[in-house]
Amino acid sequence: MGRGKIEIKRIENSANRQVTFSKRRAGIMKKAKEISVLCEAKVSLLVFSSSGKLYEFCSPATSLPQILEKYHQHSGQKLWDAKHEKLSAEIERIRKENDNMQMELRHLKGEDLTSLQPVELGVIEDCLQRGIDAIQPKKQQQQLTISGNVREMENGYHEKEREYPSQMSLGFRVQPFQPNLQETL
């Protein structure tokens, strides 16, 4: 005696719906594993619950990206829309720009110069010279400021030294009531 057919519609009771989801998810996962093993088929299964939790199965010796690539080749349908394509192109453009900037930075540091032509070396030399020309006045200004601060501190030290009475004479003054320590008695 077989089981009767049930009507396929949304289960209203959330507890019953969750139980049914768990049982049917386990069943479809089991079927995916069986067809993968028995028939050596490449199977990939993705199931998202109503709460958004992901359950997945992928045949052994394969991966989801491989299966998606194969799907793309056979169906001719693009899985990613134009927006994703633009983002990929933008990422690639930025990656190339980053590589070029890193190469330029290495050149400015004096690394990897053997591949450059004399004209390119001249451009780098000019760039470095402009950098030096921009840095030197700032360096000189900082040195003047530092030397001015040092002079100011020295002058302040000498002024303070004059303000205090000299205490050196007190320590070395000989008092008449103390015997000379070097004389023998």
N, C-alpha and C. Protein backbone atom coordinates (compact mmCIF):
# COMPACT_ATOMS: atom_id res chain seq x y z
N MET A 1 0.85 -1.17 0.00
CA MET A 1 0.00 0.00 0.00
C MET A 1 0.89 1.23 0.00
N GLY A 2 0.76 2.09 -0.99
CA GLY A 2 1.60 3.27 -1.16
C GLY A 2 1.03 4.48 -0.45
N ARG A 3 1.85 5.41 -0.37
CA ARG A 3 1.46 6.65 0.28
C ARG A 3 0.66 7.50 -0.69
N GLY A 4 -0.31 8.19 -0.21
CA GLY A 4 -1.14 9.03 -1.07
C GLY A 4 -0.42 10.31 -1.46
N LYS A 5 -0.85 10.92 -2.52
CA LYS A 5 -0.25 12.16 -2.98
C LYS A 5 -0.65 13.29 -2.06
N ILE A 6 0.33 14.19 -1.82
CA ILE A 6 0.03 15.37 -1.01
C ILE A 6 0.00 16.59 -1.92
N GLU A 7 -0.75 17.55 -1.50
CA GLU A 7 -0.82 18.78 -2.28
C GLU A 7 0.43 19.60 -2.00
N ILE A 8 1.09 20.08 -3.05
CA ILE A 8 2.30 20.88 -2.89
C ILE A 8 1.90 22.34 -2.73
N LYS A 9 1.98 22.81 -1.52
CA LYS A 9 1.71 24.20 -1.20
C LYS A 9 2.49 24.56 0.05
N ARG A 10 2.58 25.82 0.35
CA ARG A 10 3.35 26.29 1.50
C ARG A 10 2.75 25.75 2.78
N ILE A 11 3.63 25.27 3.68
CA ILE A 11 3.19 24.79 4.98
C ILE A 11 3.08 26.00 5.89
N GLU A 12 1.92 26.20 6.46
CA GLU A 12 1.64 27.40 7.27
C GLU A 12 2.32 27.35 8.63
N ASN A 13 2.33 26.21 9.29
CA ASN A 13 2.92 26.07 10.62
C ASN A 13 4.45 26.10 10.48
N SER A 14 5.09 27.07 11.14
CA SER A 14 6.54 27.25 10.95
C SER A 14 7.34 26.07 11.50
N ALA A 15 6.91 25.46 12.59
CA ALA A 15 7.63 24.30 13.14
C ALA A 15 7.55 23.14 12.15
N ASN A 16 6.35 22.88 11.62
CA ASN A 16 6.19 21.80 10.64
C ASN A 16 6.99 22.10 9.37
N ARG A 17 7.00 23.37 8.99
CA ARG A 17 7.73 23.77 7.78
C ARG A 17 9.22 23.50 7.96
N GLN A 18 9.76 23.81 9.15
CA GLN A 18 11.19 23.60 9.42
C GLN A 18 11.52 22.11 9.42
N VAL A 19 10.67 21.29 10.02
CA VAL A 19 10.89 19.85 10.06
C VAL A 19 10.88 19.29 8.64
N THR A 20 9.90 19.69 7.84
CA THR A 20 9.80 19.22 6.46
C THR A 20 11.02 19.66 5.66
N PHE A 21 11.46 20.90 5.86
CA PHE A 21 12.65 21.39 5.15
C PHE A 21 13.86 20.53 5.49
N SER A 22 14.07 20.25 6.78
CA SER A 22 15.23 19.46 7.20
C SER A 22 15.19 18.07 6.59
N LYS A 23 14.02 17.42 6.63
CA LYS A 23 13.91 16.06 6.08
C LYS A 23 14.13 16.06 4.58
N ARG A 24 13.50 16.97 3.88
CA ARG A 24 13.63 17.00 2.41
C ARG A 24 15.03 17.43 1.98
N ARG A 25 15.64 18.33 2.75
CA ARG A 25 17.02 18.73 2.44
C ARG A 25 17.95 17.53 2.58
N ALA A 26 17.78 16.77 3.67
CA ALA A 26 18.61 15.58 3.87
C ALA A 26 18.38 14.58 2.74
N GLY A 27 17.13 14.44 2.31
CA GLY A 27 16.80 13.51 1.24
C GLY A 27 17.43 13.91 -0.09
N ILE A 28 17.36 15.18 -0.43
CA ILE A 28 17.93 15.61 -1.71
C ILE A 28 19.46 15.57 -1.68
N MET A 29 20.05 15.82 -0.50
CA MET A 29 21.51 15.70 -0.37
C MET A 29 21.92 14.24 -0.57
N LYS A 30 21.15 13.33 0.02
CA LYS A 30 21.42 11.90 -0.13
C LYS A 30 21.34 11.50 -1.60
N LYS A 31 20.31 11.97 -2.30
CA LYS A 31 20.15 11.65 -3.73
C LYS A 31 21.33 12.20 -4.54
N ALA A 32 21.79 13.41 -4.21
CA ALA A 32 22.92 14.01 -4.93
C ALA A 32 24.18 13.16 -4.73
N LYS A 33 24.42 12.71 -3.49
CA LYS A 33 25.58 11.86 -3.21
C LYS A 33 25.47 10.54 -3.97
N GLU A 34 24.27 9.96 -3.96
CA GLU A 34 24.08 8.66 -4.62
C GLU A 34 24.34 8.76 -6.11
N ILE A 35 23.77 9.74 -6.77
CA ILE A 35 23.96 9.86 -8.22
C ILE A 35 25.42 10.16 -8.55
N SER A 36 26.10 10.89 -7.67
CA SER A 36 27.51 11.19 -7.86
C SER A 36 28.35 9.93 -7.79
N VAL A 37 28.08 9.08 -6.79
CA VAL A 37 28.86 7.86 -6.60
C VAL A 37 28.48 6.79 -7.62
N LEU A 38 27.19 6.52 -7.77
CA LEU A 38 26.73 5.44 -8.64
C LEU A 38 27.03 5.70 -10.11
N CYS A 39 26.86 6.90 -10.56
CA CYS A 39 26.96 7.20 -11.99
C CYS A 39 28.21 8.00 -12.36
N GLU A 40 29.07 8.28 -11.39
CA GLU A 40 30.26 9.11 -11.59
C GLU A 40 29.90 10.45 -12.23
N ALA A 41 28.77 10.97 -11.84
CA ALA A 41 28.32 12.26 -12.37
C ALA A 41 28.92 13.38 -11.52
N LYS A 42 29.15 14.51 -12.16
CA LYS A 42 29.61 15.69 -11.42
C LYS A 42 28.36 16.44 -10.99
N VAL A 43 28.17 16.50 -9.68
CA VAL A 43 26.95 17.07 -9.12
C VAL A 43 27.32 18.19 -8.16
N SER A 44 26.56 19.25 -8.24
CA SER A 44 26.69 20.34 -7.28
C SER A 44 25.28 20.74 -6.87
N LEU A 45 25.08 20.89 -5.58
CA LEU A 45 23.75 21.22 -5.07
C LEU A 45 23.89 22.34 -4.05
N LEU A 46 23.12 23.38 -4.23
CA LEU A 46 23.06 24.49 -3.28
C LEU A 46 21.63 24.61 -2.81
N VAL A 47 21.45 24.69 -1.49
CA VAL A 47 20.12 24.87 -0.92
C VAL A 47 20.22 25.98 0.11
N PHE A 48 19.33 26.96 -0.01
CA PHE A 48 19.26 28.04 0.96
C PHE A 48 17.96 27.91 1.73
N SER A 49 18.05 27.95 3.05
CA SER A 49 16.83 27.89 3.86
C SER A 49 16.12 29.24 3.78
N SER A 50 14.91 29.30 4.33
CA SER A 50 14.16 30.56 4.32
C SER A 50 14.86 31.63 5.16
N SER A 51 15.71 31.21 6.10
CA SER A 51 16.47 32.18 6.91
C SER A 51 17.77 32.60 6.22
N GLY A 52 18.08 31.97 5.08
CA GLY A 52 19.26 32.36 4.32
C GLY A 52 20.47 31.48 4.56
N LYS A 53 20.34 30.43 5.37
CA LYS A 53 21.48 29.55 5.64
C LYS A 53 21.75 28.68 4.42
N LEU A 54 23.04 28.50 4.10
CA LEU A 54 23.45 27.76 2.91
C LEU A 54 23.79 26.32 3.28
N TYR A 55 23.28 25.40 2.47
CA TYR A 55 23.64 23.99 2.55
C TYR A 55 24.13 23.62 1.16
N GLU A 56 25.29 22.95 1.07
CA GLU A 56 25.82 22.65 -0.24
C GLU A 56 26.44 21.27 -0.30
N PHE A 57 26.45 20.73 -1.50
CA PHE A 57 27.11 19.47 -1.78
C PHE A 57 27.80 19.61 -3.13
N CYS A 58 29.00 19.07 -3.21
CA CYS A 58 29.72 19.06 -4.48
C CYS A 58 30.40 17.70 -4.60
N SER A 59 30.36 17.12 -5.78
CA SER A 59 30.96 15.81 -6.03
C SER A 59 32.42 15.82 -5.63
N PRO A 60 32.93 14.66 -5.18
CA PRO A 60 34.36 14.57 -4.89
C PRO A 60 35.16 14.82 -6.18
N ALA A 61 36.36 15.32 -6.04
CA ALA A 61 37.28 15.59 -7.15
C ALA A 61 36.76 16.68 -8.09
N THR A 62 35.87 17.52 -7.63
CA THR A 62 35.43 18.67 -8.41
C THR A 62 35.10 19.80 -7.44
N SER A 63 34.87 20.96 -7.98
CA SER A 63 34.54 22.11 -7.13
C SER A 63 33.40 22.89 -7.78
N LEU A 64 32.77 23.72 -7.00
CA LEU A 64 31.66 24.53 -7.50
C LEU A 64 32.10 25.45 -8.64
N PRO A 65 33.25 26.15 -8.53
CA PRO A 65 33.66 26.98 -9.67
C PRO A 65 33.86 26.17 -10.96
N GLN A 66 34.38 24.95 -10.84
CA GLN A 66 34.56 24.12 -12.04
C GLN A 66 33.21 23.78 -12.66
N ILE A 67 32.25 23.43 -11.82
CA ILE A 67 30.92 23.08 -12.33
C ILE A 67 30.25 24.31 -12.94
N LEU A 68 30.38 25.46 -12.30
CA LEU A 68 29.79 26.68 -12.86
C LEU A 68 30.43 27.05 -14.20
N GLU A 69 31.74 26.87 -14.32
CA GLU A 69 32.42 27.14 -15.58
C GLU A 69 31.92 26.20 -16.67
N LYS A 70 31.76 24.93 -16.31
CA LYS A 70 31.25 23.95 -17.28
C LYS A 70 29.82 24.30 -17.70
N TYR A 71 29.01 24.74 -16.75
CA TYR A 71 27.64 25.16 -17.05
C TYR A 71 27.67 26.34 -18.03
N HIS A 72 28.54 27.27 -17.76
CA HIS A 72 28.65 28.46 -18.63
C HIS A 72 29.05 28.06 -20.05
N GLN A 73 29.98 27.11 -20.17
CA GLN A 73 30.43 26.67 -21.49
C GLN A 73 29.32 25.96 -22.26
N HIS A 74 28.56 25.11 -21.58
CA HIS A 74 27.53 24.32 -22.26
C HIS A 74 26.27 25.13 -22.56
N SER A 75 25.89 25.99 -21.64
CA SER A 75 24.63 26.71 -21.83
C SER A 75 24.81 28.01 -22.60
N GLY A 76 25.99 28.58 -22.53
CA GLY A 76 26.21 29.87 -23.18
C GLY A 76 25.60 31.02 -22.41
N GLN A 77 25.00 30.75 -21.27
CA GLN A 77 24.39 31.81 -20.46
C GLN A 77 25.43 32.36 -19.49
N LYS A 78 25.39 33.66 -19.33
CA LYS A 78 26.29 34.28 -18.36
C LYS A 78 25.62 34.25 -17.00
N LEU A 79 26.35 33.76 -16.03
CA LEU A 79 25.81 33.73 -14.68
C LEU A 79 25.96 35.08 -13.99
N TRP A 80 26.93 35.85 -14.43
CA TRP A 80 27.17 37.15 -13.82
C TRP A 80 26.66 38.22 -14.77
N ASP A 81 26.05 39.20 -14.22
CA ASP A 81 25.51 40.27 -15.06
C ASP A 81 26.61 41.28 -15.44
N ALA A 82 26.23 42.26 -16.20
CA ALA A 82 27.19 43.25 -16.70
C ALA A 82 27.85 44.02 -15.57
N LYS A 83 27.13 44.22 -14.48
CA LYS A 83 27.69 44.96 -13.35
C LYS A 83 28.90 44.22 -12.78
N HIS A 84 28.77 42.89 -12.65
CA HIS A 84 29.88 42.10 -12.15
C HIS A 84 31.05 42.12 -13.13
N GLU A 85 30.74 42.09 -14.41
CA GLU A 85 31.79 42.16 -15.43
C GLU A 85 32.53 43.49 -15.33
N LYS A 86 31.79 44.59 -15.12
CA LYS A 86 32.42 45.91 -14.99
C LYS A 86 33.30 45.95 -13.74
N LEU A 87 32.82 45.35 -12.65
CA LEU A 87 33.61 45.33 -11.42
C LEU A 87 34.89 44.53 -11.62
N SER A 88 34.78 43.40 -12.31
CA SER A 88 35.97 42.59 -12.59
C SER A 88 36.96 43.38 -13.44
N ALA A 89 36.46 44.08 -14.44
CA ALA A 89 37.33 44.89 -15.30
C ALA A 89 37.98 46.02 -14.49
N GLU A 90 37.22 46.63 -13.60
CA GLU A 90 37.76 47.71 -12.75
C GLU A 90 38.84 47.17 -11.82
N ILE A 91 38.60 46.00 -11.23
CA ILE A 91 39.60 45.38 -10.35
C ILE A 91 40.87 45.09 -11.14
N GLU A 92 40.73 44.56 -12.33
CA GLU A 92 41.89 44.25 -13.17
C GLU A 92 42.64 45.53 -13.54
N ARG A 93 41.91 46.60 -13.87
CA ARG A 93 42.55 47.87 -14.21
C ARG A 93 43.34 48.43 -13.02
N ILE A 94 42.73 48.35 -11.83
CA ILE A 94 43.40 48.85 -10.63
C ILE A 94 44.62 47.99 -10.30
N ARG A 95 44.50 46.69 -10.51
CA ARG A 95 45.63 45.79 -10.26
C ARG A 95 46.81 46.15 -11.18
N LYS A 96 46.51 46.40 -12.47
CA LYS A 96 47.58 46.77 -13.41
C LYS A 96 48.19 48.12 -13.03
N GLU A 97 47.34 49.06 -12.64
CA GLU A 97 47.82 50.38 -12.22
C GLU A 97 48.72 50.26 -11.00
N ASN A 98 48.33 49.40 -10.06
CA ASN A 98 49.12 49.16 -8.86
C ASN A 98 50.48 48.56 -9.23
N ASP A 99 50.48 47.58 -10.14
CA ASP A 99 51.74 46.98 -10.58
C ASP A 99 52.65 48.02 -11.23
N ASN A 100 52.07 48.88 -12.07
CA ASN A 100 52.87 49.94 -12.71
C ASN A 100 53.45 50.90 -11.69
N MET A 101 52.65 51.26 -10.69
CA MET A 101 53.13 52.18 -9.66
C MET A 101 54.23 51.54 -8.82
N GLN A 102 54.10 50.24 -8.54
CA GLN A 102 55.15 49.55 -7.78
C GLN A 102 56.45 49.51 -8.58
N MET A 103 56.34 49.27 -9.89
CA MET A 103 57.52 49.26 -10.75
C MET A 103 58.17 50.65 -10.77
N GLU A 104 57.34 51.69 -10.88
CA GLU A 104 57.86 53.06 -10.89
C GLU A 104 58.54 53.39 -9.56
N LEU A 105 57.97 52.93 -8.46
CA LEU A 105 58.57 53.16 -7.15
C LEU A 105 59.92 52.45 -7.05
N ARG A 106 59.99 51.22 -7.56
CA ARG A 106 61.28 50.51 -7.55
C ARG A 106 62.31 51.27 -8.39
N HIS A 107 61.88 51.81 -9.51
CA HIS A 107 62.80 52.60 -10.34
C HIS A 107 63.29 53.83 -9.59
N LEU A 108 62.38 54.50 -8.88
CA LEU A 108 62.77 55.69 -8.12
C LEU A 108 63.71 55.34 -6.98
N LYS A 109 63.61 54.11 -6.47
CA LYS A 109 64.52 53.65 -5.41
C LYS A 109 65.86 53.19 -5.98
N GLY A 110 65.95 53.12 -7.31
CA GLY A 110 67.19 52.69 -7.94
C GLY A 110 67.24 51.19 -8.19
N GLU A 111 66.11 50.51 -8.12
CA GLU A 111 66.04 49.07 -8.35
C GLU A 111 65.50 48.81 -9.76
N ASP A 112 65.88 47.68 -10.34
CA ASP A 112 65.38 47.23 -11.66
C ASP A 112 65.60 48.29 -12.75
N LEU A 113 66.76 48.90 -12.78
CA LEU A 113 67.02 49.95 -13.77
C LEU A 113 67.60 49.40 -15.07
N THR A 114 68.01 48.14 -15.09
CA THR A 114 68.68 47.59 -16.27
C THR A 114 67.78 47.54 -17.50
N SER A 115 66.48 47.43 -17.29
CA SER A 115 65.56 47.31 -18.43
C SER A 115 65.18 48.67 -19.02
N LEU A 116 65.62 49.76 -18.41
CA LEU A 116 65.22 51.10 -18.86
C LEU A 116 66.15 51.65 -19.93
N GLN A 117 65.58 52.43 -20.82
CA GLN A 117 66.32 53.12 -21.88
C GLN A 117 66.89 54.42 -21.29
N PRO A 118 67.92 54.98 -21.94
CA PRO A 118 68.51 56.24 -21.44
C PRO A 118 67.49 57.37 -21.30
N VAL A 119 66.53 57.44 -22.20
CA VAL A 119 65.50 58.49 -22.11
C VAL A 119 64.69 58.32 -20.83
N GLU A 120 64.32 57.07 -20.52
CA GLU A 120 63.54 56.80 -19.31
C GLU A 120 64.36 57.10 -18.06
N LEU A 121 65.65 56.77 -18.11
CA LEU A 121 66.53 57.08 -16.98
C LEU A 121 66.63 58.60 -16.77
N GLY A 122 66.66 59.35 -17.88
CA GLY A 122 66.70 60.81 -17.79
C GLY A 122 65.44 61.36 -17.13
N VAL A 123 64.29 60.78 -17.45
CA VAL A 123 63.03 61.22 -16.84
C VAL A 123 63.07 60.96 -15.34
N ILE A 124 63.57 59.79 -14.94
CA ILE A 124 63.66 59.46 -13.51
C ILE A 124 64.63 60.41 -12.82
N GLU A 125 65.76 60.69 -13.48
CA GLU A 125 66.75 61.62 -12.91
C GLU A 125 66.13 63.00 -12.69
N ASP A 126 65.39 63.49 -13.69
CA ASP A 126 64.73 64.80 -13.56
C ASP A 126 63.73 64.79 -12.41
N CYS A 127 62.99 63.72 -12.30
CA CYS A 127 61.99 63.61 -11.24
C CYS A 127 62.66 63.64 -9.87
N LEU A 128 63.76 62.89 -9.73
CA LEU A 128 64.49 62.87 -8.46
C LEU A 128 65.10 64.23 -8.16
N GLN A 129 65.61 64.91 -9.18
CA GLN A 129 66.20 66.24 -8.98
C GLN A 129 65.15 67.23 -8.51
N ARG A 130 63.95 67.18 -9.11
CA ARG A 130 62.87 68.06 -8.65
C ARG A 130 62.52 67.75 -7.20
N GLY A 131 62.55 66.48 -6.83
CA GLY A 131 62.28 66.11 -5.45
C GLY A 131 63.32 66.68 -4.50
N ILE A 132 64.59 66.58 -4.90
CA ILE A 132 65.67 67.13 -4.08
C ILE A 132 65.53 68.64 -3.96
N ASP A 133 65.23 69.30 -5.08
CA ASP A 133 65.05 70.76 -5.07
C ASP A 133 63.91 71.17 -4.15
N ALA A 134 62.88 70.36 -4.06
CA ALA A 134 61.75 70.69 -3.19
C ALA A 134 62.07 70.40 -1.73
N ILE A 135 62.93 69.41 -1.48
CA ILE A 135 63.22 69.00 -0.11
C ILE A 135 64.28 69.89 0.54
N GLN A 136 65.28 70.33 -0.21
CA GLN A 136 66.40 71.09 0.37
C GLN A 136 65.97 72.34 1.13
N PRO A 137 65.10 73.19 0.59
CA PRO A 137 64.70 74.38 1.37
C PRO A 137 64.01 74.00 2.69
N LYS A 138 63.20 72.98 2.66
CA LYS A 138 62.52 72.54 3.88
C LYS A 138 63.55 72.03 4.89
N LYS A 139 64.53 71.27 4.42
CA LYS A 139 65.57 70.75 5.30
C LYS A 139 66.38 71.90 5.91
N GLN A 140 66.76 72.89 5.08
CA GLN A 140 67.52 74.03 5.58
C GLN A 140 66.71 74.82 6.61
N GLN A 141 65.43 75.00 6.34
CA GLN A 141 64.56 75.71 7.28
C GLN A 141 64.51 74.98 8.62
N GLN A 142 64.39 73.66 8.57
CA GLN A 142 64.35 72.89 9.81
C GLN A 142 65.68 72.97 10.56
N GLN A 143 66.79 72.93 9.83
CA GLN A 143 68.10 73.04 10.47
C GLN A 143 68.27 74.41 11.12
N LEU A 144 67.83 75.48 10.44
CA LEU A 144 67.90 76.82 11.03
C LEU A 144 67.05 76.91 12.29
N THR A 145 65.88 76.34 12.23
CA THR A 145 65.00 76.35 13.40
C THR A 145 65.64 75.61 14.56
N ILE A 146 66.23 74.44 14.28
CA ILE A 146 66.87 73.65 15.34
C ILE A 146 68.07 74.41 15.91
N SER A 147 68.92 74.98 15.05
CA SER A 147 70.09 75.71 15.56
C SER A 147 69.65 76.94 16.35
N GLY A 148 68.58 77.62 15.91
CA GLY A 148 68.05 78.76 16.66
C GLY A 148 67.55 78.32 18.03
N ASN A 149 66.88 77.19 18.09
CA ASN A 149 66.40 76.67 19.37
C ASN A 149 67.56 76.31 20.28
N VAL A 150 68.63 75.73 19.72
CA VAL A 150 69.80 75.37 20.52
C VAL A 150 70.45 76.63 21.07
N ARG A 151 70.62 77.66 20.23
CA ARG A 151 71.21 78.93 20.68
C ARG A 151 70.37 79.55 21.78
N GLU A 152 69.07 79.52 21.58
CA GLU A 152 68.15 80.07 22.57
C GLU A 152 68.29 79.34 23.90
N MET A 153 68.41 78.03 23.84
CA MET A 153 68.57 77.25 25.07
C MET A 153 69.91 77.55 25.74
N GLU A 154 70.97 77.69 24.93
CA GLU A 154 72.28 78.01 25.49
C GLU A 154 72.26 79.38 26.16
N ASN A 155 71.67 80.36 25.50
CA ASN A 155 71.58 81.71 26.08
C ASN A 155 70.78 81.67 27.37
N GLY A 156 69.70 80.95 27.37
CA GLY A 156 68.89 80.83 28.57
C GLY A 156 69.65 80.16 29.69
N TYR A 157 70.46 79.17 29.35
CA TYR A 157 71.27 78.47 30.34
C TYR A 157 72.30 79.42 30.94
N HIS A 158 72.97 80.20 30.09
CA HIS A 158 73.99 81.13 30.59
C HIS A 158 73.36 82.23 31.44
N GLU A 159 72.18 82.70 31.07
CA GLU A 159 71.50 83.72 31.88
C GLU A 159 71.12 83.15 33.24
N LYS A 160 70.62 81.94 33.26
CA LYS A 160 70.25 81.31 34.54
C LYS A 160 71.49 81.09 35.39
N GLU A 161 72.60 80.77 34.74
CA GLU A 161 73.84 80.52 35.46
C GLU A 161 74.30 81.80 36.16
N ARG A 162 74.12 82.94 35.52
CA ARG A 162 74.52 84.22 36.12
C ARG A 162 73.59 84.62 37.25
N GLU A 163 72.33 84.20 37.16
CA GLU A 163 71.36 84.58 38.19
C GLU A 163 71.65 83.90 39.53
N TYR A 164 72.17 82.71 39.49
CA TYR A 164 72.44 81.99 40.73
C TYR A 164 73.83 82.33 41.23
N PRO A 165 73.97 82.55 42.55
CA PRO A 165 75.31 82.82 43.07
C PRO A 165 76.18 81.57 42.92
N SER A 166 77.42 81.81 42.68
CA SER A 166 78.33 80.69 42.46
C SER A 166 78.47 79.91 43.75
N GLN A 167 78.24 78.66 43.70
CA GLN A 167 78.30 77.82 44.89
C GLN A 167 79.60 77.04 44.93
N MET A 168 80.43 77.17 43.92
CA MET A 168 81.68 76.42 43.87
C MET A 168 82.63 76.90 44.97
N SER A 169 82.65 78.19 45.26
CA SER A 169 83.61 78.71 46.23
C SER A 169 83.33 78.20 47.63
N LEU A 170 82.08 77.94 47.96
CA LEU A 170 81.75 77.46 49.30
C LEU A 170 82.32 76.08 49.56
N GLY A 171 82.33 75.25 48.60
CA GLY A 171 82.79 73.88 48.78
C GLY A 171 84.29 73.79 48.96
N PHE A 172 85.04 74.75 48.44
CA PHE A 172 86.49 74.65 48.48
C PHE A 172 87.13 75.63 49.47
N ARG A 173 86.34 76.37 50.20
CA ARG A 173 86.87 77.35 51.13
C ARG A 173 87.44 76.62 52.35
N VAL A 174 88.61 77.02 52.76
CA VAL A 174 89.25 76.40 53.92
C VAL A 174 88.87 77.21 55.15
N GLN A 175 88.44 76.51 56.15
CA GLN A 175 88.05 77.18 57.37
C GLN A 175 89.19 77.05 58.38
N PRO A 176 89.50 78.13 59.09
CA PRO A 176 90.68 78.13 59.96
C PRO A 176 90.60 77.16 61.13
N PHE A 177 89.44 76.84 61.60
CA PHE A 177 89.36 75.97 62.77
C PHE A 177 89.51 74.49 62.41
N GLN A 178 89.56 74.16 61.12
CA GLN A 178 89.76 72.76 60.73
C GLN A 178 91.24 72.54 60.45
N PRO A 179 91.78 71.48 61.01
CA PRO A 179 93.21 71.22 60.75
C PRO A 179 93.41 70.75 59.31
N ASN A 180 94.59 71.04 58.83
CA ASN A 180 94.92 70.60 57.49
C ASN A 180 95.04 69.09 57.53
N LEU A 181 94.32 68.42 56.71
CA LEU A 181 94.25 66.96 56.78
C LEU A 181 95.52 66.30 56.29
N GLN A 182 96.32 67.01 55.55
CA GLN A 182 97.53 66.38 55.02
C GLN A 182 98.72 66.53 55.96
N GLU A 183 98.62 67.36 56.97
CA GLU A 183 99.72 67.50 57.92
C GLU A 183 99.68 66.34 58.90
N THR A 184 100.79 65.85 59.23
CA THR A 184 100.84 64.77 60.21
C THR A 184 101.00 65.36 61.59
N LEU A 185 100.43 64.76 62.55
CA LEU A 185 100.48 65.28 63.91
C LEU A 185 101.62 64.78 64.69
